[in-house]
Amino acid sequence: MPAPAYLISKVADPVFAVFIGLSAAATRINREEKELGHSTQQTIDAGLRRIGLRGQEAAVTKREQADS
């Protein structure tokens, strides 16, 4: 019997790979930010900045609102 061509299926394999990659990136970011002593919210902000969904200005504005 020949070896299977896919781990899960033709469609699910790429989805699974993307999920594993995103999970690995999130774990790495979380670990690096925790080593720097940052809070969970700061970790989320750093992750969003790294992927380009939030600019530096948004994070500063959010902190200014929290201080008020």
PDB file of N, CA and C in Angstrom:
ATOM      1  N   MET A   1       0.844  -1.169   0.000  1.00  0.00           N
ATOM      2  CA  MET A   1       0.000   0.000   0.000  1.00  0.00           C
ATOM      3  C   MET A   1       0.899   1.245   0.000  1.00  0.00           C
ATOM      4  N   PRO A   2       0.635   2.208  -0.892  1.00  0.00           N
ATOM      5  CA  PRO A   2       1.478   3.415  -0.957  1.00  0.00           C
ATOM      6  C   PRO A   2       1.261   4.313   0.261  1.00  0.00           C
ATOM      7  N   ALA A   3       2.274   5.085   0.556  1.00  0.00           N
ATOM      8  CA  ALA A   3       2.189   6.031   1.676  1.00  0.00           C
ATOM      9  C   ALA A   3       1.149   7.104   1.365  1.00  0.00           C
ATOM     10  N   PRO A   4       0.424   7.566   2.353  1.00  0.00           N
ATOM     11  CA  PRO A   4      -0.575   8.611   2.113  1.00  0.00           C
ATOM     12  C   PRO A   4       0.098   9.909   1.650  1.00  0.00           C
ATOM     13  N   ALA A   5      -0.557  10.604   0.749  1.00  0.00           N
ATOM     14  CA  ALA A   5      -0.001  11.843   0.208  1.00  0.00           C
ATOM     15  C   ALA A   5      -0.248  13.034   1.125  1.00  0.00           C
ATOM     16  N   TYR A   6      -1.254  12.936   2.006  1.00  0.00           N
ATOM     17  CA  TYR A   6      -1.614  14.053   2.872  1.00  0.00           C
ATOM     18  C   TYR A   6      -1.706  13.583   4.311  1.00  0.00           C
ATOM     19  N   LEU A   7      -1.415  14.468   5.247  1.00  0.00           N
ATOM     20  CA  LEU A   7      -1.567  14.138   6.661  1.00  0.00           C
ATOM     21  C   LEU A   7      -3.039  14.057   7.048  1.00  0.00           C
ATOM     22  N   ILE A   8      -3.801  15.083   6.646  1.00  0.00           N
ATOM     23  CA  ILE A   8      -5.219  15.135   6.986  1.00  0.00           C
ATOM     24  C   ILE A   8      -6.044  15.020   5.705  1.00  0.00           C
ATOM     25  N   SER A   9      -5.934  16.039   4.878  1.00  0.00           N
ATOM     26  CA  SER A   9      -6.589  16.025   3.575  1.00  0.00           C
ATOM     27  C   SER A   9      -5.942  17.095   2.707  1.00  0.00           C
ATOM     28  N   LYS A  10      -6.294  17.124   1.468  1.00  0.00           N
ATOM     29  CA  LYS A  10      -5.704  18.084   0.531  1.00  0.00           C
ATOM     30  C   LYS A  10      -6.007  19.521   0.939  1.00  0.00           C
ATOM     31  N   VAL A  11      -7.179  19.763   1.485  1.00  0.00           N
ATOM     32  CA  VAL A  11      -7.579  21.113   1.887  1.00  0.00           C
ATOM     33  C   VAL A  11      -7.113  21.433   3.304  1.00  0.00           C
ATOM     34  N   ALA A  12      -7.226  20.467   4.199  1.00  0.00           N
ATOM     35  CA  ALA A  12      -6.927  20.725   5.612  1.00  0.00           C
ATOM     36  C   ALA A  12      -5.434  20.856   5.904  1.00  0.00           C
ATOM     37  N   ASP A  13      -4.575  20.230   5.139  1.00  0.00           N
ATOM     38  CA  ASP A  13      -3.137  20.310   5.396  1.00  0.00           C
ATOM     39  C   ASP A  13      -2.617  21.754   5.381  1.00  0.00           C
ATOM     40  N   PRO A  14      -2.914  22.563   4.357  1.00  0.00           N
ATOM     41  CA  PRO A  14      -2.436  23.948   4.384  1.00  0.00           C
ATOM     42  C   PRO A  14      -3.045  24.766   5.530  1.00  0.00           C
ATOM     43  N   VAL A  15      -4.310  24.535   5.836  1.00  0.00           N
ATOM     44  CA  VAL A  15      -4.952  25.240   6.952  1.00  0.00           C
ATOM     45  C   VAL A  15      -4.256  24.871   8.259  1.00  0.00           C
ATOM     46  N   PHE A  16      -3.978  23.587   8.439  1.00  0.00           N
ATOM     47  CA  PHE A  16      -3.273  23.109   9.620  1.00  0.00           C
ATOM     48  C   PHE A  16      -1.887  23.754   9.714  1.00  0.00           C
ATOM     49  N   ALA A  17      -1.183  23.843   8.599  1.00  0.00           N
ATOM     50  CA  ALA A  17       0.158  24.442   8.586  1.00  0.00           C
ATOM     51  C   ALA A  17       0.117  25.912   8.988  1.00  0.00           C
ATOM     52  N   VAL A  18      -0.855  26.653   8.476  1.00  0.00           N
ATOM     53  CA  VAL A  18      -0.993  28.065   8.835  1.00  0.00           C
ATOM     54  C   VAL A  18      -1.302  28.198  10.328  1.00  0.00           C
ATOM     55  N   PHE A  19      -2.194  27.361  10.833  1.00  0.00           N
ATOM     56  CA  PHE A  19      -2.537  27.388  12.255  1.00  0.00           C
ATOM     57  C   PHE A  19      -1.307  27.126  13.122  1.00  0.00           C
ATOM     58  N   ILE A  20      -0.514  26.143  12.766  1.00  0.00           N
ATOM     59  CA  ILE A  20       0.694  25.817  13.530  1.00  0.00           C
ATOM     60  C   ILE A  20       1.689  26.978  13.466  1.00  0.00           C
ATOM     61  N   GLY A  21       1.841  27.584  12.303  1.00  0.00           N
ATOM     62  CA  GLY A  21       2.761  28.713  12.165  1.00  0.00           C
ATOM     63  C   GLY A  21       2.336  29.911  12.993  1.00  0.00           C
ATOM     64  N   LEU A  22       1.041  30.243  12.960  1.00  0.00           N
ATOM     65  CA  LEU A  22       0.540  31.370  13.753  1.00  0.00           C
ATOM     66  C   LEU A  22       0.665  31.090  15.246  1.00  0.00           C
ATOM     67  N   SER A  23       0.408  29.862  15.643  1.00  0.00           N
ATOM     68  CA  SER A  23       0.547  29.490  17.055  1.00  0.00           C
ATOM     69  C   SER A  23       1.994  29.611  17.511  1.00  0.00           C
ATOM     70  N   ALA A  24       2.910  29.179  16.681  1.00  0.00           N
ATOM     71  CA  ALA A  24       4.330  29.279  17.021  1.00  0.00           C
ATOM     72  C   ALA A  24       4.764  30.739  17.145  1.00  0.00           C
ATOM     73  N   ALA A  25       4.292  31.576  16.234  1.00  0.00           N
ATOM     74  CA  ALA A  25       4.637  33.001  16.291  1.00  0.00           C
ATOM     75  C   ALA A  25       4.056  33.646  17.548  1.00  0.00           C
ATOM     76  N   ALA A  26       2.810  33.326  17.876  1.00  0.00           N
ATOM     77  CA  ALA A  26       2.177  33.892  19.072  1.00  0.00           C
ATOM     78  C   ALA A  26       2.906  33.448  20.335  1.00  0.00           C
ATOM     79  N   THR A  27       3.328  32.196  20.379  1.00  0.00           N
ATOM     80  CA  THR A  27       4.056  31.685  21.536  1.00  0.00           C
ATOM     81  C   THR A  27       5.395  32.394  21.686  1.00  0.00           C
ATOM     82  N   ARG A  28       6.077  32.596  20.571  1.00  0.00           N
ATOM     83  CA  ARG A  28       7.384  33.278  20.612  1.00  0.00           C
ATOM     84  C   ARG A  28       7.232  34.718  21.076  1.00  0.00           C
ATOM     85  N   ILE A  29       6.244  35.426  20.522  1.00  0.00           N
ATOM     86  CA  ILE A  29       6.015  36.820  20.913  1.00  0.00           C
ATOM     87  C   ILE A  29       5.676  36.885  22.394  1.00  0.00           C
ATOM     88  N   ASN A  30       4.794  36.008  22.856  1.00  0.00           N
ATOM     89  CA  ASN A  30       4.392  36.004  24.258  1.00  0.00           C
ATOM     90  C   ASN A  30       5.602  35.762  25.167  1.00  0.00           C
ATOM     91  N   ARG A  31       6.425  34.799  24.807  1.00  0.00           N
ATOM     92  CA  ARG A  31       7.605  34.491  25.618  1.00  0.00           C
ATOM     93  C   ARG A  31       8.564  35.682  25.676  1.00  0.00           C
ATOM     94  N   GLU A  32       8.830  36.309  24.532  1.00  0.00           N
ATOM     95  CA  GLU A  32       9.749  37.445  24.499  1.00  0.00           C
ATOM     96  C   GLU A  32       9.221  38.612  25.312  1.00  0.00           C
ATOM     97  N   GLU A  33       7.936  38.890  25.197  1.00  0.00           N
ATOM     98  CA  GLU A  33       7.357  40.013  25.911  1.00  0.00           C
ATOM     99  C   GLU A  33       7.303  39.754  27.418  1.00  0.00           C
ATOM    100  N   LYS A  34       7.021  38.535  27.829  1.00  0.00           N
ATOM    101  CA  LYS A  34       6.994  38.201  29.255  1.00  0.00           C
ATOM    102  C   LYS A  34       8.393  38.307  29.859  1.00  0.00           C
ATOM    103  N   GLU A  35       9.415  37.935  29.089  1.00  0.00           N
ATOM    104  CA  GLU A  35      10.795  38.070  29.566  1.00  0.00           C
ATOM    105  C   GLU A  35      11.149  39.532  29.804  1.00  0.00           C
ATOM    106  N   LEU A  36      10.535  40.426  29.034  1.00  0.00           N
ATOM    107  CA  LEU A  36      10.780  41.854  29.203  1.00  0.00           C
ATOM    108  C   LEU A  36       9.925  42.452  30.322  1.00  0.00           C
ATOM    109  N   GLY A  37       9.036  41.627  30.899  1.00  0.00           N
ATOM    110  CA  GLY A  37       8.216  42.089  32.011  1.00  0.00           C
ATOM    111  C   GLY A  37       6.958  42.834  31.595  1.00  0.00           C
ATOM    112  N   HIS A  38       6.504  42.625  30.365  1.00  0.00           N
ATOM    113  CA  HIS A  38       5.322  43.333  29.884  1.00  0.00           C
ATOM    114  C   HIS A  38       4.033  42.623  30.295  1.00  0.00           C
ATOM    115  N   SER A  39       2.962  43.411  30.402  1.00  0.00           N
ATOM    116  CA  SER A  39       1.656  42.851  30.748  1.00  0.00           C
ATOM    117  C   SER A  39       1.048  42.154  29.532  1.00  0.00           C
ATOM    118  N   THR A  40      -0.075  41.486  29.762  1.00  0.00           N
ATOM    119  CA  THR A  40      -0.760  40.791  28.669  1.00  0.00           C
ATOM    120  C   THR A  40      -1.211  41.788  27.602  1.00  0.00           C
ATOM    121  N   GLN A  41      -1.759  42.933  28.013  1.00  0.00           N
ATOM    122  CA  GLN A  41      -2.209  43.928  27.045  1.00  0.00           C
ATOM    123  C   GLN A  41      -1.036  44.471  26.237  1.00  0.00           C
ATOM    124  N   GLN A  42       0.085  44.694  26.872  1.00  0.00           N
ATOM    125  CA  GLN A  42       1.265  45.159  26.160  1.00  0.00           C
ATOM    126  C   GLN A  42       1.761  44.089  25.192  1.00  0.00           C
ATOM    127  N   THR A  43       1.631  42.831  25.566  1.00  0.00           N
ATOM    128  CA  THR A  43       2.020  41.729  24.689  1.00  0.00           C
ATOM    129  C   THR A  43       1.129  41.686  23.454  1.00  0.00           C
ATOM    130  N   ILE A  44      -0.177  41.844  23.655  1.00  0.00           N
ATOM    131  CA  ILE A  44      -1.122  41.864  22.526  1.00  0.00           C
ATOM    132  C   ILE A  44      -0.813  43.040  21.609  1.00  0.00           C
ATOM    133  N   ASP A  45      -0.572  44.204  22.189  1.00  0.00           N
ATOM    134  CA  ASP A  45      -0.226  45.391  21.386  1.00  0.00           C
ATOM    135  C   ASP A  45       1.046  45.155  20.573  1.00  0.00           C
ATOM    136  N   ALA A  46       2.050  44.533  21.197  1.00  0.00           N
ATOM    137  CA  ALA A  46       3.305  44.249  20.489  1.00  0.00           C
ATOM    138  C   ALA A  46       3.068  43.287  19.337  1.00  0.00           C
ATOM    139  N   GLY A  47       2.248  42.268  19.569  1.00  0.00           N
ATOM    140  CA  GLY A  47       1.936  41.308  18.508  1.00  0.00           C
ATOM    141  C   GLY A  47       1.220  41.965  17.346  1.00  0.00           C
ATOM    142  N   LEU A  48       0.261  42.831  17.642  1.00  0.00           N
ATOM    143  CA  LEU A  48      -0.469  43.520  16.582  1.00  0.00           C
ATOM    144  C   LEU A  48       0.438  44.486  15.825  1.00  0.00           C
ATOM    145  N   ARG A  49       1.368  45.126  16.531  1.00  0.00           N
ATOM    146  CA  ARG A  49       2.323  46.011  15.853  1.00  0.00           C
ATOM    147  C   ARG A  49       3.225  45.208  14.929  1.00  0.00           C
ATOM    148  N   ARG A  50       3.643  44.020  15.366  1.00  0.00           N
ATOM    149  CA  ARG A  50       4.547  43.195  14.549  1.00  0.00           C
ATOM    150  C   ARG A  50       3.908  42.756  13.237  1.00  0.00           C
ATOM    151  N   ILE A  51       2.600  42.511  13.271  1.00  0.00           N
ATOM    152  CA  ILE A  51       1.944  42.080  12.032  1.00  0.00           C
ATOM    153  C   ILE A  51       1.314  43.247  11.290  1.00  0.00           C
ATOM    154  N   GLY A  52       1.455  44.462  11.835  1.00  0.00           N
ATOM    155  CA  GLY A  52       1.024  45.647  11.121  1.00  0.00           C
ATOM    156  C   GLY A  52      -0.439  46.010  11.271  1.00  0.00           C
ATOM    157  N   LEU A  53      -1.121  45.458  12.266  1.00  0.00           N
ATOM    158  CA  LEU A  53      -2.534  45.794  12.459  1.00  0.00           C
ATOM    159  C   LEU A  53      -2.735  46.979  13.394  1.00  0.00           C
ATOM    160  N   ARG A  54      -1.706  47.345  14.110  1.00  0.00           N
ATOM    161  CA  ARG A  54      -1.810  48.489  14.997  1.00  0.00           C
ATOM    162  C   ARG A  54      -0.494  49.253  14.940  1.00  0.00           C
ATOM    163  N   GLY A  55      -0.599  50.549  14.718  1.00  0.00           N
ATOM    164  CA  GLY A  55       0.592  51.378  14.669  1.00  0.00           C
ATOM    165  C   GLY A  55       1.007  51.826  16.052  1.00  0.00           C
ATOM    166  N   GLN A  56       2.148  52.425  16.156  1.00  0.00           N
ATOM    167  CA  GLN A  56       2.667  52.928  17.427  1.00  0.00           C
ATOM    168  C   GLN A  56       1.737  53.986  18.013  1.00  0.00           C
ATOM    169  N   GLU A  57       1.128  54.816  17.163  1.00  0.00           N
ATOM    170  CA  GLU A  57       0.260  55.894  17.637  1.00  0.00           C
ATOM    171  C   GLU A  57      -0.938  55.345  18.403  1.00  0.00           C
ATOM    172  N   ALA A  58      -1.521  54.250  17.932  1.00  0.00           N
ATOM    173  CA  ALA A  58      -2.700  53.671  18.576  1.00  0.00           C
ATOM    174  C   ALA A  58      -2.360  53.180  19.976  1.00  0.00           C
ATOM    175  N   ALA A  59      -1.196  52.599  20.141  1.00  0.00           N
ATOM    176  CA  ALA A  59      -0.795  52.089  21.448  1.00  0.00           C
ATOM    177  C   ALA A  59      -0.556  53.240  22.420  1.00  0.00           C
ATOM    178  N   VAL A  60       0.071  54.317  21.946  1.00  0.00           N
ATOM    179  CA  VAL A  60       0.324  55.476  22.792  1.00  0.00           C
ATOM    180  C   VAL A  60      -1.002  56.116  23.191  1.00  0.00           C
ATOM    181  N   THR A  61      -1.916  56.279  22.243  1.00  0.00           N
ATOM    182  CA  THR A  61      -3.223  56.872  22.521  1.00  0.00           C
ATOM    183  C   THR A  61      -3.980  56.045  23.548  1.00  0.00           C
ATOM    184  N   LYS A  62      -3.932  54.739  23.414  1.00  0.00           N
ATOM    185  CA  LYS A  62      -4.634  53.852  24.341  1.00  0.00           C
ATOM    186  C   LYS A  62      -4.065  53.994  25.755  1.00  0.00           C
ATOM    187  N   ARG A  63      -2.749  54.100  25.883  1.00  0.00           N
ATOM    188  CA  ARG A  63      -2.139  54.264  27.199  1.00  0.00           C
ATOM    189  C   ARG A  63      -2.496  55.616  27.795  1.00  0.00           C
ATOM    190  N   GLU A  64      -2.540  56.655  26.965  1.00  0.00           N
ATOM    191  CA  GLU A  64      -2.909  57.982  27.454  1.00  0.00           C
ATOM    192  C   GLU A  64      -4.334  57.989  27.985  1.00  0.00           C
ATOM    193  N   GLN A  65      -5.247  57.284  27.312  1.00  0.00           N
ATOM    194  CA  GLN A  65      -6.626  57.202  27.765  1.00  0.00           C
ATOM    195  C   GLN A  65      -6.708  56.443  29.087  1.00  0.00           C
ATOM    196  N   ALA A  66      -5.906  55.419  29.250  1.00  0.00           N
ATOM    197  CA  ALA A  66      -5.925  54.633  30.484  1.00  0.00           C
ATOM    198  C   ALA A  66      -5.398  55.450  31.659  1.00  0.00           C
ATOM    199  N   ASP A  67      -4.449  56.333  31.401  1.00  0.00           N
ATOM    200  CA  ASP A  67      -3.880  57.163  32.462  1.00  0.00           C
ATOM    201  C   ASP A  67      -4.843  58.254  32.915  1.00  0.00           C
ATOM    202  N   SER A  68      -5.793  58.620  32.071  1.00  0.00           N
ATOM    203  CA  SER A  68      -6.730  59.716  32.409  1.00  0.00           C
ATOM    204  C   SER A  68      -7.773  59.299  33.408  1.00  0.00           C
TER     205      SER A  68
END
